[in-house]
Amino acid sequence: FILADLRDTRAGLCASLGDETLER
């Protein structure tokens, strides 16, 4: 459940910031 939440959080931030900014 923690890893699933991690994936969902990453996807949400990617939508807000874009891949490059999120990775920075």
PDBML (XML) file of the C-alpha atoms, coordinates in Angstrom:
<?xml version="1.0" encoding="UTF-8" ?>
<PDBx:datablock datablockName="MODEL"
   xmlns:PDBx="http://pdbml.pdb.org/schema/pdbx-v50.xsd"
   xmlns:xsi="http://www.w3.org/2001/XMLSchema-instance"
   xsi:schemaLocation="http://pdbml.pdb.org/schema/pdbx-v50.xsd pdbx-v50.xsd">
   <PDBx:atom_siteCategory>
      <PDBx:atom_site id="1">
         <PDBx:B_iso_or_equiv>0.00</PDBx:B_iso_or_equiv>
         <PDBx:Cartn_x>0.000</PDBx:Cartn_x>
         <PDBx:Cartn_y>0.000</PDBx:Cartn_y>
         <PDBx:Cartn_z>0.000</PDBx:Cartn_z>
         <PDBx:auth_asym_id>A</PDBx:auth_asym_id>
         <PDBx:auth_atom_id>CA</PDBx:auth_atom_id>
         <PDBx:auth_comp_id>PHE</PDBx:auth_comp_id>
         <PDBx:auth_seq_id>1</PDBx:auth_seq_id>
         <PDBx:group_PDB>ATOM</PDBx:group_PDB>
         <PDBx:label_alt_id xsi:nil="true" />
         <PDBx:label_asym_id>A</PDBx:label_asym_id>
         <PDBx:label_atom_id>CA</PDBx:label_atom_id>
         <PDBx:label_comp_id>PHE</PDBx:label_comp_id>
         <PDBx:label_entity_id>1</PDBx:label_entity_id>
         <PDBx:label_seq_id>1</PDBx:label_seq_id>
         <PDBx:occupancy>1.00</PDBx:occupancy>
         <PDBx:pdbx_PDB_model_num>1</PDBx:pdbx_PDB_model_num>
         <PDBx:type_symbol>C</PDBx:type_symbol>
      </PDBx:atom_site>
      <PDBx:atom_site id="2">
         <PDBx:B_iso_or_equiv>0.00</PDBx:B_iso_or_equiv>
         <PDBx:Cartn_x>2.959</PDBx:Cartn_x>
         <PDBx:Cartn_y>2.329</PDBx:Cartn_y>
         <PDBx:Cartn_z>0.560</PDBx:Cartn_z>
         <PDBx:auth_asym_id>A</PDBx:auth_asym_id>
         <PDBx:auth_atom_id>CA</PDBx:auth_atom_id>
         <PDBx:auth_comp_id>ILE</PDBx:auth_comp_id>
         <PDBx:auth_seq_id>2</PDBx:auth_seq_id>
         <PDBx:group_PDB>ATOM</PDBx:group_PDB>
         <PDBx:label_alt_id xsi:nil="true" />
         <PDBx:label_asym_id>A</PDBx:label_asym_id>
         <PDBx:label_atom_id>CA</PDBx:label_atom_id>
         <PDBx:label_comp_id>ILE</PDBx:label_comp_id>
         <PDBx:label_entity_id>1</PDBx:label_entity_id>
         <PDBx:label_seq_id>2</PDBx:label_seq_id>
         <PDBx:occupancy>1.00</PDBx:occupancy>
         <PDBx:pdbx_PDB_model_num>1</PDBx:pdbx_PDB_model_num>
         <PDBx:type_symbol>C</PDBx:type_symbol>
      </PDBx:atom_site>
      <PDBx:atom_site id="3">
         <PDBx:B_iso_or_equiv>0.00</PDBx:B_iso_or_equiv>
         <PDBx:Cartn_x>4.461</PDBx:Cartn_x>
         <PDBx:Cartn_y>1.550</PDBx:Cartn_y>
         <PDBx:Cartn_z>-2.848</PDBx:Cartn_z>
         <PDBx:auth_asym_id>A</PDBx:auth_asym_id>
         <PDBx:auth_atom_id>CA</PDBx:auth_atom_id>
         <PDBx:auth_comp_id>LEU</PDBx:auth_comp_id>
         <PDBx:auth_seq_id>3</PDBx:auth_seq_id>
         <PDBx:group_PDB>ATOM</PDBx:group_PDB>
         <PDBx:label_alt_id xsi:nil="true" />
         <PDBx:label_asym_id>A</PDBx:label_asym_id>
         <PDBx:label_atom_id>CA</PDBx:label_atom_id>
         <PDBx:label_comp_id>LEU</PDBx:label_comp_id>
         <PDBx:label_entity_id>1</PDBx:label_entity_id>
         <PDBx:label_seq_id>3</PDBx:label_seq_id>
         <PDBx:occupancy>1.00</PDBx:occupancy>
         <PDBx:pdbx_PDB_model_num>1</PDBx:pdbx_PDB_model_num>
         <PDBx:type_symbol>C</PDBx:type_symbol>
      </PDBx:atom_site>
      <PDBx:atom_site id="4">
         <PDBx:B_iso_or_equiv>0.00</PDBx:B_iso_or_equiv>
         <PDBx:Cartn_x>1.077</PDBx:Cartn_x>
         <PDBx:Cartn_y>2.005</PDBx:Cartn_y>
         <PDBx:Cartn_z>-4.565</PDBx:Cartn_z>
         <PDBx:auth_asym_id>A</PDBx:auth_asym_id>
         <PDBx:auth_atom_id>CA</PDBx:auth_atom_id>
         <PDBx:auth_comp_id>ALA</PDBx:auth_comp_id>
         <PDBx:auth_seq_id>4</PDBx:auth_seq_id>
         <PDBx:group_PDB>ATOM</PDBx:group_PDB>
         <PDBx:label_alt_id xsi:nil="true" />
         <PDBx:label_asym_id>A</PDBx:label_asym_id>
         <PDBx:label_atom_id>CA</PDBx:label_atom_id>
         <PDBx:label_comp_id>ALA</PDBx:label_comp_id>
         <PDBx:label_entity_id>1</PDBx:label_entity_id>
         <PDBx:label_seq_id>4</PDBx:label_seq_id>
         <PDBx:occupancy>1.00</PDBx:occupancy>
         <PDBx:pdbx_PDB_model_num>1</PDBx:pdbx_PDB_model_num>
         <PDBx:type_symbol>C</PDBx:type_symbol>
      </PDBx:atom_site>
      <PDBx:atom_site id="5">
         <PDBx:B_iso_or_equiv>0.00</PDBx:B_iso_or_equiv>
         <PDBx:Cartn_x>0.679</PDBx:Cartn_x>
         <PDBx:Cartn_y>5.353</PDBx:Cartn_y>
         <PDBx:Cartn_z>-2.837</PDBx:Cartn_z>
         <PDBx:auth_asym_id>A</PDBx:auth_asym_id>
         <PDBx:auth_atom_id>CA</PDBx:auth_atom_id>
         <PDBx:auth_comp_id>ASP</PDBx:auth_comp_id>
         <PDBx:auth_seq_id>5</PDBx:auth_seq_id>
         <PDBx:group_PDB>ATOM</PDBx:group_PDB>
         <PDBx:label_alt_id xsi:nil="true" />
         <PDBx:label_asym_id>A</PDBx:label_asym_id>
         <PDBx:label_atom_id>CA</PDBx:label_atom_id>
         <PDBx:label_comp_id>ASP</PDBx:label_comp_id>
         <PDBx:label_entity_id>1</PDBx:label_entity_id>
         <PDBx:label_seq_id>5</PDBx:label_seq_id>
         <PDBx:occupancy>1.00</PDBx:occupancy>
         <PDBx:pdbx_PDB_model_num>1</PDBx:pdbx_PDB_model_num>
         <PDBx:type_symbol>C</PDBx:type_symbol>
      </PDBx:atom_site>
      <PDBx:atom_site id="6">
         <PDBx:B_iso_or_equiv>0.00</PDBx:B_iso_or_equiv>
         <PDBx:Cartn_x>4.208</PDBx:Cartn_x>
         <PDBx:Cartn_y>6.303</PDBx:Cartn_y>
         <PDBx:Cartn_z>-3.922</PDBx:Cartn_z>
         <PDBx:auth_asym_id>A</PDBx:auth_asym_id>
         <PDBx:auth_atom_id>CA</PDBx:auth_atom_id>
         <PDBx:auth_comp_id>LEU</PDBx:auth_comp_id>
         <PDBx:auth_seq_id>6</PDBx:auth_seq_id>
         <PDBx:group_PDB>ATOM</PDBx:group_PDB>
         <PDBx:label_alt_id xsi:nil="true" />
         <PDBx:label_asym_id>A</PDBx:label_asym_id>
         <PDBx:label_atom_id>CA</PDBx:label_atom_id>
         <PDBx:label_comp_id>LEU</PDBx:label_comp_id>
         <PDBx:label_entity_id>1</PDBx:label_entity_id>
         <PDBx:label_seq_id>6</PDBx:label_seq_id>
         <PDBx:occupancy>1.00</PDBx:occupancy>
         <PDBx:pdbx_PDB_model_num>1</PDBx:pdbx_PDB_model_num>
         <PDBx:type_symbol>C</PDBx:type_symbol>
      </PDBx:atom_site>
      <PDBx:atom_site id="7">
         <PDBx:B_iso_or_equiv>0.00</PDBx:B_iso_or_equiv>
         <PDBx:Cartn_x>3.322</PDBx:Cartn_x>
         <PDBx:Cartn_y>5.621</PDBx:Cartn_y>
         <PDBx:Cartn_z>-7.570</PDBx:Cartn_z>
         <PDBx:auth_asym_id>A</PDBx:auth_asym_id>
         <PDBx:auth_atom_id>CA</PDBx:auth_atom_id>
         <PDBx:auth_comp_id>ARG</PDBx:auth_comp_id>
         <PDBx:auth_seq_id>7</PDBx:auth_seq_id>
         <PDBx:group_PDB>ATOM</PDBx:group_PDB>
         <PDBx:label_alt_id xsi:nil="true" />
         <PDBx:label_asym_id>A</PDBx:label_asym_id>
         <PDBx:label_atom_id>CA</PDBx:label_atom_id>
         <PDBx:label_comp_id>ARG</PDBx:label_comp_id>
         <PDBx:label_entity_id>1</PDBx:label_entity_id>
         <PDBx:label_seq_id>7</PDBx:label_seq_id>
         <PDBx:occupancy>1.00</PDBx:occupancy>
         <PDBx:pdbx_PDB_model_num>1</PDBx:pdbx_PDB_model_num>
         <PDBx:type_symbol>C</PDBx:type_symbol>
      </PDBx:atom_site>
      <PDBx:atom_site id="8">
         <PDBx:B_iso_or_equiv>0.00</PDBx:B_iso_or_equiv>
         <PDBx:Cartn_x>0.106</PDBx:Cartn_x>
         <PDBx:Cartn_y>7.646</PDBx:Cartn_y>
         <PDBx:Cartn_z>-7.330</PDBx:Cartn_z>
         <PDBx:auth_asym_id>A</PDBx:auth_asym_id>
         <PDBx:auth_atom_id>CA</PDBx:auth_atom_id>
         <PDBx:auth_comp_id>ASP</PDBx:auth_comp_id>
         <PDBx:auth_seq_id>8</PDBx:auth_seq_id>
         <PDBx:group_PDB>ATOM</PDBx:group_PDB>
         <PDBx:label_alt_id xsi:nil="true" />
         <PDBx:label_asym_id>A</PDBx:label_asym_id>
         <PDBx:label_atom_id>CA</PDBx:label_atom_id>
         <PDBx:label_comp_id>ASP</PDBx:label_comp_id>
         <PDBx:label_entity_id>1</PDBx:label_entity_id>
         <PDBx:label_seq_id>8</PDBx:label_seq_id>
         <PDBx:occupancy>1.00</PDBx:occupancy>
         <PDBx:pdbx_PDB_model_num>1</PDBx:pdbx_PDB_model_num>
         <PDBx:type_symbol>C</PDBx:type_symbol>
      </PDBx:atom_site>
      <PDBx:atom_site id="9">
         <PDBx:B_iso_or_equiv>0.00</PDBx:B_iso_or_equiv>
         <PDBx:Cartn_x>1.923</PDBx:Cartn_x>
         <PDBx:Cartn_y>10.556</PDBx:Cartn_y>
         <PDBx:Cartn_z>-5.685</PDBx:Cartn_z>
         <PDBx:auth_asym_id>A</PDBx:auth_asym_id>
         <PDBx:auth_atom_id>CA</PDBx:auth_atom_id>
         <PDBx:auth_comp_id>THR</PDBx:auth_comp_id>
         <PDBx:auth_seq_id>9</PDBx:auth_seq_id>
         <PDBx:group_PDB>ATOM</PDBx:group_PDB>
         <PDBx:label_alt_id xsi:nil="true" />
         <PDBx:label_asym_id>A</PDBx:label_asym_id>
         <PDBx:label_atom_id>CA</PDBx:label_atom_id>
         <PDBx:label_comp_id>THR</PDBx:label_comp_id>
         <PDBx:label_entity_id>1</PDBx:label_entity_id>
         <PDBx:label_seq_id>9</PDBx:label_seq_id>
         <PDBx:occupancy>1.00</PDBx:occupancy>
         <PDBx:pdbx_PDB_model_num>1</PDBx:pdbx_PDB_model_num>
         <PDBx:type_symbol>C</PDBx:type_symbol>
      </PDBx:atom_site>
      <PDBx:atom_site id="10">
         <PDBx:B_iso_or_equiv>0.00</PDBx:B_iso_or_equiv>
         <PDBx:Cartn_x>4.621</PDBx:Cartn_x>
         <PDBx:Cartn_y>10.541</PDBx:Cartn_y>
         <PDBx:Cartn_z>-8.335</PDBx:Cartn_z>
         <PDBx:auth_asym_id>A</PDBx:auth_asym_id>
         <PDBx:auth_atom_id>CA</PDBx:auth_atom_id>
         <PDBx:auth_comp_id>ARG</PDBx:auth_comp_id>
         <PDBx:auth_seq_id>10</PDBx:auth_seq_id>
         <PDBx:group_PDB>ATOM</PDBx:group_PDB>
         <PDBx:label_alt_id xsi:nil="true" />
         <PDBx:label_asym_id>A</PDBx:label_asym_id>
         <PDBx:label_atom_id>CA</PDBx:label_atom_id>
         <PDBx:label_comp_id>ARG</PDBx:label_comp_id>
         <PDBx:label_entity_id>1</PDBx:label_entity_id>
         <PDBx:label_seq_id>10</PDBx:label_seq_id>
         <PDBx:occupancy>1.00</PDBx:occupancy>
         <PDBx:pdbx_PDB_model_num>1</PDBx:pdbx_PDB_model_num>
         <PDBx:type_symbol>C</PDBx:type_symbol>
      </PDBx:atom_site>
      <PDBx:atom_site id="11">
         <PDBx:B_iso_or_equiv>0.00</PDBx:B_iso_or_equiv>
         <PDBx:Cartn_x>2.007</PDBx:Cartn_x>
         <PDBx:Cartn_y>10.491</PDBx:Cartn_y>
         <PDBx:Cartn_z>-11.113</PDBx:Cartn_z>
         <PDBx:auth_asym_id>A</PDBx:auth_asym_id>
         <PDBx:auth_atom_id>CA</PDBx:auth_atom_id>
         <PDBx:auth_comp_id>ALA</PDBx:auth_comp_id>
         <PDBx:auth_seq_id>11</PDBx:auth_seq_id>
         <PDBx:group_PDB>ATOM</PDBx:group_PDB>
         <PDBx:label_alt_id xsi:nil="true" />
         <PDBx:label_asym_id>A</PDBx:label_asym_id>
         <PDBx:label_atom_id>CA</PDBx:label_atom_id>
         <PDBx:label_comp_id>ALA</PDBx:label_comp_id>
         <PDBx:label_entity_id>1</PDBx:label_entity_id>
         <PDBx:label_seq_id>11</PDBx:label_seq_id>
         <PDBx:occupancy>1.00</PDBx:occupancy>
         <PDBx:pdbx_PDB_model_num>1</PDBx:pdbx_PDB_model_num>
         <PDBx:type_symbol>C</PDBx:type_symbol>
      </PDBx:atom_site>
      <PDBx:atom_site id="12">
         <PDBx:B_iso_or_equiv>0.00</PDBx:B_iso_or_equiv>
         <PDBx:Cartn_x>0.137</PDBx:Cartn_x>
         <PDBx:Cartn_y>13.431</PDBx:Cartn_y>
         <PDBx:Cartn_z>-9.585</PDBx:Cartn_z>
         <PDBx:auth_asym_id>A</PDBx:auth_asym_id>
         <PDBx:auth_atom_id>CA</PDBx:auth_atom_id>
         <PDBx:auth_comp_id>GLY</PDBx:auth_comp_id>
         <PDBx:auth_seq_id>12</PDBx:auth_seq_id>
         <PDBx:group_PDB>ATOM</PDBx:group_PDB>
         <PDBx:label_alt_id xsi:nil="true" />
         <PDBx:label_asym_id>A</PDBx:label_asym_id>
         <PDBx:label_atom_id>CA</PDBx:label_atom_id>
         <PDBx:label_comp_id>GLY</PDBx:label_comp_id>
         <PDBx:label_entity_id>1</PDBx:label_entity_id>
         <PDBx:label_seq_id>12</PDBx:label_seq_id>
         <PDBx:occupancy>1.00</PDBx:occupancy>
         <PDBx:pdbx_PDB_model_num>1</PDBx:pdbx_PDB_model_num>
         <PDBx:type_symbol>C</PDBx:type_symbol>
      </PDBx:atom_site>
      <PDBx:atom_site id="13">
         <PDBx:B_iso_or_equiv>0.00</PDBx:B_iso_or_equiv>
         <PDBx:Cartn_x>3.283</PDBx:Cartn_x>
         <PDBx:Cartn_y>15.520</PDBx:Cartn_y>
         <PDBx:Cartn_z>-9.227</PDBx:Cartn_z>
         <PDBx:auth_asym_id>A</PDBx:auth_asym_id>
         <PDBx:auth_atom_id>CA</PDBx:auth_atom_id>
         <PDBx:auth_comp_id>LEU</PDBx:auth_comp_id>
         <PDBx:auth_seq_id>13</PDBx:auth_seq_id>
         <PDBx:group_PDB>ATOM</PDBx:group_PDB>
         <PDBx:label_alt_id xsi:nil="true" />
         <PDBx:label_asym_id>A</PDBx:label_asym_id>
         <PDBx:label_atom_id>CA</PDBx:label_atom_id>
         <PDBx:label_comp_id>LEU</PDBx:label_comp_id>
         <PDBx:label_entity_id>1</PDBx:label_entity_id>
         <PDBx:label_seq_id>13</PDBx:label_seq_id>
         <PDBx:occupancy>1.00</PDBx:occupancy>
         <PDBx:pdbx_PDB_model_num>1</PDBx:pdbx_PDB_model_num>
         <PDBx:type_symbol>C</PDBx:type_symbol>
      </PDBx:atom_site>
      <PDBx:atom_site id="14">
         <PDBx:B_iso_or_equiv>0.00</PDBx:B_iso_or_equiv>
         <PDBx:Cartn_x>4.370</PDBx:Cartn_x>
         <PDBx:Cartn_y>14.634</PDBx:Cartn_y>
         <PDBx:Cartn_z>-12.735</PDBx:Cartn_z>
         <PDBx:auth_asym_id>A</PDBx:auth_asym_id>
         <PDBx:auth_atom_id>CA</PDBx:auth_atom_id>
         <PDBx:auth_comp_id>CYS</PDBx:auth_comp_id>
         <PDBx:auth_seq_id>14</PDBx:auth_seq_id>
         <PDBx:group_PDB>ATOM</PDBx:group_PDB>
         <PDBx:label_alt_id xsi:nil="true" />
         <PDBx:label_asym_id>A</PDBx:label_asym_id>
         <PDBx:label_atom_id>CA</PDBx:label_atom_id>
         <PDBx:label_comp_id>CYS</PDBx:label_comp_id>
         <PDBx:label_entity_id>1</PDBx:label_entity_id>
         <PDBx:label_seq_id>14</PDBx:label_seq_id>
         <PDBx:occupancy>1.00</PDBx:occupancy>
         <PDBx:pdbx_PDB_model_num>1</PDBx:pdbx_PDB_model_num>
         <PDBx:type_symbol>C</PDBx:type_symbol>
      </PDBx:atom_site>
      <PDBx:atom_site id="15">
         <PDBx:B_iso_or_equiv>0.00</PDBx:B_iso_or_equiv>
         <PDBx:Cartn_x>1.072</PDBx:Cartn_x>
         <PDBx:Cartn_y>16.018</PDBx:Cartn_y>
         <PDBx:Cartn_z>-14.034</PDBx:Cartn_z>
         <PDBx:auth_asym_id>A</PDBx:auth_asym_id>
         <PDBx:auth_atom_id>CA</PDBx:auth_atom_id>
         <PDBx:auth_comp_id>ALA</PDBx:auth_comp_id>
         <PDBx:auth_seq_id>15</PDBx:auth_seq_id>
         <PDBx:group_PDB>ATOM</PDBx:group_PDB>
         <PDBx:label_alt_id xsi:nil="true" />
         <PDBx:label_asym_id>A</PDBx:label_asym_id>
         <PDBx:label_atom_id>CA</PDBx:label_atom_id>
         <PDBx:label_comp_id>ALA</PDBx:label_comp_id>
         <PDBx:label_entity_id>1</PDBx:label_entity_id>
         <PDBx:label_seq_id>15</PDBx:label_seq_id>
         <PDBx:occupancy>1.00</PDBx:occupancy>
         <PDBx:pdbx_PDB_model_num>1</PDBx:pdbx_PDB_model_num>
         <PDBx:type_symbol>C</PDBx:type_symbol>
      </PDBx:atom_site>
      <PDBx:atom_site id="16">
         <PDBx:B_iso_or_equiv>0.00</PDBx:B_iso_or_equiv>
         <PDBx:Cartn_x>1.664</PDBx:Cartn_x>
         <PDBx:Cartn_y>19.255</PDBx:Cartn_y>
         <PDBx:Cartn_z>-12.081</PDBx:Cartn_z>
         <PDBx:auth_asym_id>A</PDBx:auth_asym_id>
         <PDBx:auth_atom_id>CA</PDBx:auth_atom_id>
         <PDBx:auth_comp_id>SER</PDBx:auth_comp_id>
         <PDBx:auth_seq_id>16</PDBx:auth_seq_id>
         <PDBx:group_PDB>ATOM</PDBx:group_PDB>
         <PDBx:label_alt_id xsi:nil="true" />
         <PDBx:label_asym_id>A</PDBx:label_asym_id>
         <PDBx:label_atom_id>CA</PDBx:label_atom_id>
         <PDBx:label_comp_id>SER</PDBx:label_comp_id>
         <PDBx:label_entity_id>1</PDBx:label_entity_id>
         <PDBx:label_seq_id>16</PDBx:label_seq_id>
         <PDBx:occupancy>1.00</PDBx:occupancy>
         <PDBx:pdbx_PDB_model_num>1</PDBx:pdbx_PDB_model_num>
         <PDBx:type_symbol>C</PDBx:type_symbol>
      </PDBx:atom_site>
      <PDBx:atom_site id="17">
         <PDBx:B_iso_or_equiv>0.00</PDBx:B_iso_or_equiv>
         <PDBx:Cartn_x>5.364</PDBx:Cartn_x>
         <PDBx:Cartn_y>19.766</PDBx:Cartn_y>
         <PDBx:Cartn_z>-12.737</PDBx:Cartn_z>
         <PDBx:auth_asym_id>A</PDBx:auth_asym_id>
         <PDBx:auth_atom_id>CA</PDBx:auth_atom_id>
         <PDBx:auth_comp_id>LEU</PDBx:auth_comp_id>
         <PDBx:auth_seq_id>17</PDBx:auth_seq_id>
         <PDBx:group_PDB>ATOM</PDBx:group_PDB>
         <PDBx:label_alt_id xsi:nil="true" />
         <PDBx:label_asym_id>A</PDBx:label_asym_id>
         <PDBx:label_atom_id>CA</PDBx:label_atom_id>
         <PDBx:label_comp_id>LEU</PDBx:label_comp_id>
         <PDBx:label_entity_id>1</PDBx:label_entity_id>
         <PDBx:label_seq_id>17</PDBx:label_seq_id>
         <PDBx:occupancy>1.00</PDBx:occupancy>
         <PDBx:pdbx_PDB_model_num>1</PDBx:pdbx_PDB_model_num>
         <PDBx:type_symbol>C</PDBx:type_symbol>
      </PDBx:atom_site>
      <PDBx:atom_site id="18">
         <PDBx:B_iso_or_equiv>0.00</PDBx:B_iso_or_equiv>
         <PDBx:Cartn_x>6.287</PDBx:Cartn_x>
         <PDBx:Cartn_y>17.708</PDBx:Cartn_y>
         <PDBx:Cartn_z>-15.775</PDBx:Cartn_z>
         <PDBx:auth_asym_id>A</PDBx:auth_asym_id>
         <PDBx:auth_atom_id>CA</PDBx:auth_atom_id>
         <PDBx:auth_comp_id>GLY</PDBx:auth_comp_id>
         <PDBx:auth_seq_id>18</PDBx:auth_seq_id>
         <PDBx:group_PDB>ATOM</PDBx:group_PDB>
         <PDBx:label_alt_id xsi:nil="true" />
         <PDBx:label_asym_id>A</PDBx:label_asym_id>
         <PDBx:label_atom_id>CA</PDBx:label_atom_id>
         <PDBx:label_comp_id>GLY</PDBx:label_comp_id>
         <PDBx:label_entity_id>1</PDBx:label_entity_id>
         <PDBx:label_seq_id>18</PDBx:label_seq_id>
         <PDBx:occupancy>1.00</PDBx:occupancy>
         <PDBx:pdbx_PDB_model_num>1</PDBx:pdbx_PDB_model_num>
         <PDBx:type_symbol>C</PDBx:type_symbol>
      </PDBx:atom_site>
      <PDBx:atom_site id="19">
         <PDBx:B_iso_or_equiv>0.00</PDBx:B_iso_or_equiv>
         <PDBx:Cartn_x>8.887</PDBx:Cartn_x>
         <PDBx:Cartn_y>14.959</PDBx:Cartn_y>
         <PDBx:Cartn_z>-15.874</PDBx:Cartn_z>
         <PDBx:auth_asym_id>A</PDBx:auth_asym_id>
         <PDBx:auth_atom_id>CA</PDBx:auth_atom_id>
         <PDBx:auth_comp_id>ASP</PDBx:auth_comp_id>
         <PDBx:auth_seq_id>19</PDBx:auth_seq_id>
         <PDBx:group_PDB>ATOM</PDBx:group_PDB>
         <PDBx:label_alt_id xsi:nil="true" />
         <PDBx:label_asym_id>A</PDBx:label_asym_id>
         <PDBx:label_atom_id>CA</PDBx:label_atom_id>
         <PDBx:label_comp_id>ASP</PDBx:label_comp_id>
         <PDBx:label_entity_id>1</PDBx:label_entity_id>
         <PDBx:label_seq_id>19</PDBx:label_seq_id>
         <PDBx:occupancy>1.00</PDBx:occupancy>
         <PDBx:pdbx_PDB_model_num>1</PDBx:pdbx_PDB_model_num>
         <PDBx:type_symbol>C</PDBx:type_symbol>
      </PDBx:atom_site>
      <PDBx:atom_site id="20">
         <PDBx:B_iso_or_equiv>0.00</PDBx:B_iso_or_equiv>
         <PDBx:Cartn_x>11.983</PDBx:Cartn_x>
         <PDBx:Cartn_y>17.152</PDBx:Cartn_y>
         <PDBx:Cartn_z>-15.962</PDBx:Cartn_z>
         <PDBx:auth_asym_id>A</PDBx:auth_asym_id>
         <PDBx:auth_atom_id>CA</PDBx:auth_atom_id>
         <PDBx:auth_comp_id>GLU</PDBx:auth_comp_id>
         <PDBx:auth_seq_id>20</PDBx:auth_seq_id>
         <PDBx:group_PDB>ATOM</PDBx:group_PDB>
         <PDBx:label_alt_id xsi:nil="true" />
         <PDBx:label_asym_id>A</PDBx:label_asym_id>
         <PDBx:label_atom_id>CA</PDBx:label_atom_id>
         <PDBx:label_comp_id>GLU</PDBx:label_comp_id>
         <PDBx:label_entity_id>1</PDBx:label_entity_id>
         <PDBx:label_seq_id>20</PDBx:label_seq_id>
         <PDBx:occupancy>1.00</PDBx:occupancy>
         <PDBx:pdbx_PDB_model_num>1</PDBx:pdbx_PDB_model_num>
         <PDBx:type_symbol>C</PDBx:type_symbol>
      </PDBx:atom_site>
      <PDBx:atom_site id="21">
         <PDBx:B_iso_or_equiv>0.00</PDBx:B_iso_or_equiv>
         <PDBx:Cartn_x>11.027</PDBx:Cartn_x>
         <PDBx:Cartn_y>19.471</PDBx:Cartn_y>
         <PDBx:Cartn_z>-13.101</PDBx:Cartn_z>
         <PDBx:auth_asym_id>A</PDBx:auth_asym_id>
         <PDBx:auth_atom_id>CA</PDBx:auth_atom_id>
         <PDBx:auth_comp_id>THR</PDBx:auth_comp_id>
         <PDBx:auth_seq_id>21</PDBx:auth_seq_id>
         <PDBx:group_PDB>ATOM</PDBx:group_PDB>
         <PDBx:label_alt_id xsi:nil="true" />
         <PDBx:label_asym_id>A</PDBx:label_asym_id>
         <PDBx:label_atom_id>CA</PDBx:label_atom_id>
         <PDBx:label_comp_id>THR</PDBx:label_comp_id>
         <PDBx:label_entity_id>1</PDBx:label_entity_id>
         <PDBx:label_seq_id>21</PDBx:label_seq_id>
         <PDBx:occupancy>1.00</PDBx:occupancy>
         <PDBx:pdbx_PDB_model_num>1</PDBx:pdbx_PDB_model_num>
         <PDBx:type_symbol>C</PDBx:type_symbol>
      </PDBx:atom_site>
      <PDBx:atom_site id="22">
         <PDBx:B_iso_or_equiv>0.00</PDBx:B_iso_or_equiv>
         <PDBx:Cartn_x>9.792</PDBx:Cartn_x>
         <PDBx:Cartn_y>16.576</PDBx:Cartn_y>
         <PDBx:Cartn_z>-10.988</PDBx:Cartn_z>
         <PDBx:auth_asym_id>A</PDBx:auth_asym_id>
         <PDBx:auth_atom_id>CA</PDBx:auth_atom_id>
         <PDBx:auth_comp_id>LEU</PDBx:auth_comp_id>
         <PDBx:auth_seq_id>22</PDBx:auth_seq_id>
         <PDBx:group_PDB>ATOM</PDBx:group_PDB>
         <PDBx:label_alt_id xsi:nil="true" />
         <PDBx:label_asym_id>A</PDBx:label_asym_id>
         <PDBx:label_atom_id>CA</PDBx:label_atom_id>
         <PDBx:label_comp_id>LEU</PDBx:label_comp_id>
         <PDBx:label_entity_id>1</PDBx:label_entity_id>
         <PDBx:label_seq_id>22</PDBx:label_seq_id>
         <PDBx:occupancy>1.00</PDBx:occupancy>
         <PDBx:pdbx_PDB_model_num>1</PDBx:pdbx_PDB_model_num>
         <PDBx:type_symbol>C</PDBx:type_symbol>
      </PDBx:atom_site>
      <PDBx:atom_site id="23">
         <PDBx:B_iso_or_equiv>0.00</PDBx:B_iso_or_equiv>
         <PDBx:Cartn_x>13.077</PDBx:Cartn_x>
         <PDBx:Cartn_y>14.716</PDBx:Cartn_y>
         <PDBx:Cartn_z>-11.425</PDBx:Cartn_z>
         <PDBx:auth_asym_id>A</PDBx:auth_asym_id>
         <PDBx:auth_atom_id>CA</PDBx:auth_atom_id>
         <PDBx:auth_comp_id>GLU</PDBx:auth_comp_id>
         <PDBx:auth_seq_id>23</PDBx:auth_seq_id>
         <PDBx:group_PDB>ATOM</PDBx:group_PDB>
         <PDBx:label_alt_id xsi:nil="true" />
         <PDBx:label_asym_id>A</PDBx:label_asym_id>
         <PDBx:label_atom_id>CA</PDBx:label_atom_id>
         <PDBx:label_comp_id>GLU</PDBx:label_comp_id>
         <PDBx:label_entity_id>1</PDBx:label_entity_id>
         <PDBx:label_seq_id>23</PDBx:label_seq_id>
         <PDBx:occupancy>1.00</PDBx:occupancy>
         <PDBx:pdbx_PDB_model_num>1</PDBx:pdbx_PDB_model_num>
         <PDBx:type_symbol>C</PDBx:type_symbol>
      </PDBx:atom_site>
      <PDBx:atom_site id="24">
         <PDBx:B_iso_or_equiv>0.00</PDBx:B_iso_or_equiv>
         <PDBx:Cartn_x>15.102</PDBx:Cartn_x>
         <PDBx:Cartn_y>17.796</PDBx:Cartn_y>
         <PDBx:Cartn_z>-10.485</PDBx:Cartn_z>
         <PDBx:auth_asym_id>A</PDBx:auth_asym_id>
         <PDBx:auth_atom_id>CA</PDBx:auth_atom_id>
         <PDBx:auth_comp_id>ARG</PDBx:auth_comp_id>
         <PDBx:auth_seq_id>24</PDBx:auth_seq_id>
         <PDBx:group_PDB>ATOM</PDBx:group_PDB>
         <PDBx:label_alt_id xsi:nil="true" />
         <PDBx:label_asym_id>A</PDBx:label_asym_id>
         <PDBx:label_atom_id>CA</PDBx:label_atom_id>
         <PDBx:label_comp_id>ARG</PDBx:label_comp_id>
         <PDBx:label_entity_id>1</PDBx:label_entity_id>
         <PDBx:label_seq_id>24</PDBx:label_seq_id>
         <PDBx:occupancy>1.00</PDBx:occupancy>
         <PDBx:pdbx_PDB_model_num>1</PDBx:pdbx_PDB_model_num>
         <PDBx:type_symbol>C</PDBx:type_symbol>
      </PDBx:atom_site>
   </PDBx:atom_siteCategory>
</PDBx:datablock>
